[in-house]
Amino acid sequence: MMSIILSILGWAAAGVRAGSIAAFLHSLIGNVVSGSWFAILQSLGATGAGLPALLARMLA
């Protein structure tokens, strides 16, 4: 379910989808720092991982 939501928001397997909410947020942020919330969401969107992977990343 989470991978579907991430894809709808624009974090997809091929990267951030142009014209999406994720693309808009990326334009506000500029350079994305490794380990940031944006980088984690992109990683999850690219791998199709769900909530367990997100929680593991947040608690690491």
C-alpha atoms as a PDB file:
ATOM      1  CA  MET A   1       0.000   0.000   0.000  1.00  0.00           C
ATOM      2  CA  MET A   2       2.778   2.430   0.880  1.00  0.00           C
ATOM      3  CA  SER A   3       4.542   1.848  -2.436  1.00  0.00           C
ATOM      4  CA  ILE A   4       1.306   2.797  -4.229  1.00  0.00           C
ATOM      5  CA  ILE A   5       1.038   6.015  -2.214  1.00  0.00           C
ATOM      6  CA  LEU A   6       4.683   6.873  -2.882  1.00  0.00           C
ATOM      7  CA  SER A   7       4.162   6.274  -6.589  1.00  0.00           C
ATOM      8  CA  ILE A   8       1.049   8.483  -6.645  1.00  0.00           C
ATOM      9  CA  LEU A   9       3.023  11.245  -4.933  1.00  0.00           C
ATOM     10  CA  GLY A  10       5.812  10.894  -7.499  1.00  0.00           C
ATOM     11  CA  TRP A  11       8.475   8.714  -5.869  1.00  0.00           C
ATOM     12  CA  ALA A  12       8.677   6.009  -8.529  1.00  0.00           C
ATOM     13  CA  ALA A  13      11.017   3.175  -9.502  1.00  0.00           C
ATOM     14  CA  ALA A  14      12.681   5.304 -12.178  1.00  0.00           C
ATOM     15  CA  GLY A  15      13.124   8.302  -9.871  1.00  0.00           C
ATOM     16  CA  VAL A  16      11.088  11.394  -9.096  1.00  0.00           C
ATOM     17  CA  ARG A  17       8.308  11.762 -11.666  1.00  0.00           C
ATOM     18  CA  ALA A  18       8.169  15.139 -13.449  1.00  0.00           C
ATOM     19  CA  GLY A  19       5.214  17.313 -12.486  1.00  0.00           C
ATOM     20  CA  SER A  20       4.506  15.356  -9.303  1.00  0.00           C
ATOM     21  CA  ILE A  21       4.273  16.465  -5.684  1.00  0.00           C
ATOM     22  CA  ALA A  22       7.678  14.858  -5.124  1.00  0.00           C
ATOM     23  CA  ALA A  23       9.124  16.945  -7.978  1.00  0.00           C
ATOM     24  CA  PHE A  24       7.658  20.107  -6.480  1.00  0.00           C
ATOM     25  CA  LEU A  25       9.144  19.309  -3.066  1.00  0.00           C
ATOM     26  CA  HIS A  26      12.478  18.497  -4.696  1.00  0.00           C
ATOM     27  CA  SER A  27      12.451  21.919  -6.377  1.00  0.00           C
ATOM     28  CA  LEU A  28      12.005  23.552  -2.967  1.00  0.00           C
ATOM     29  CA  ILE A  29      14.737  21.499  -1.304  1.00  0.00           C
ATOM     30  CA  GLY A  30      17.389  21.659  -4.007  1.00  0.00           C
ATOM     31  CA  ASN A  31      20.220  19.215  -3.375  1.00  0.00           C
ATOM     32  CA  VAL A  32      19.017  16.171  -1.462  1.00  0.00           C
ATOM     33  CA  VAL A  33      21.202  15.059   1.426  1.00  0.00           C
ATOM     34  CA  SER A  34      21.835  11.343   1.875  1.00  0.00           C
ATOM     35  CA  GLY A  35      19.715   9.973   4.703  1.00  0.00           C
ATOM     36  CA  SER A  36      17.195  12.831   4.589  1.00  0.00           C
ATOM     37  CA  TRP A  37      13.457  12.181   4.586  1.00  0.00           C
ATOM     38  CA  PHE A  38      13.353  12.910   0.858  1.00  0.00           C
ATOM     39  CA  ALA A  39      16.192  10.472   0.121  1.00  0.00           C
ATOM     40  CA  ILE A  40      14.523   7.782   2.216  1.00  0.00           C
ATOM     41  CA  LEU A  41      11.203   8.211   0.400  1.00  0.00           C
ATOM     42  CA  GLN A  42      12.988   8.072  -2.953  1.00  0.00           C
ATOM     43  CA  SER A  43      14.792   4.904  -1.938  1.00  0.00           C
ATOM     44  CA  LEU A  44      11.532   3.317  -0.821  1.00  0.00           C
ATOM     45  CA  GLY A  45       9.787   4.415  -4.020  1.00  0.00           C
ATOM     46  CA  ALA A  46      12.587   2.997  -6.159  1.00  0.00           C
ATOM     47  CA  THR A  47      12.664  -0.363  -4.402  1.00  0.00           C
ATOM     48  CA  GLY A  48       8.917  -0.730  -3.844  1.00  0.00           C
ATOM     49  CA  ALA A  49       9.546  -1.326  -0.140  1.00  0.00           C
ATOM     50  CA  GLY A  50       6.746  -0.687   2.317  1.00  0.00           C
ATOM     51  CA  LEU A  51       6.182   0.429   5.878  1.00  0.00           C
ATOM     52  CA  PRO A  52       8.551  -2.090   7.541  1.00  0.00           C
ATOM     53  CA  ALA A  53      11.453  -0.755   5.473  1.00  0.00           C
ATOM     54  CA  LEU A  54      10.516   2.839   6.307  1.00  0.00           C
ATOM     55  CA  LEU A  55      10.397   2.087  10.022  1.00  0.00           C
ATOM     56  CA  ALA A  56      13.705   0.240   9.884  1.00  0.00           C
ATOM     57  CA  ARG A  57      15.308   3.249   8.154  1.00  0.00           C
ATOM     58  CA  MET A  58      13.864   5.694  10.663  1.00  0.00           C
ATOM     59  CA  LEU A  59      15.029   3.651  13.661  1.00  0.00           C
ATOM     60  CA  ALA A  60      18.520   2.967  12.299  1.00  0.00           C
END
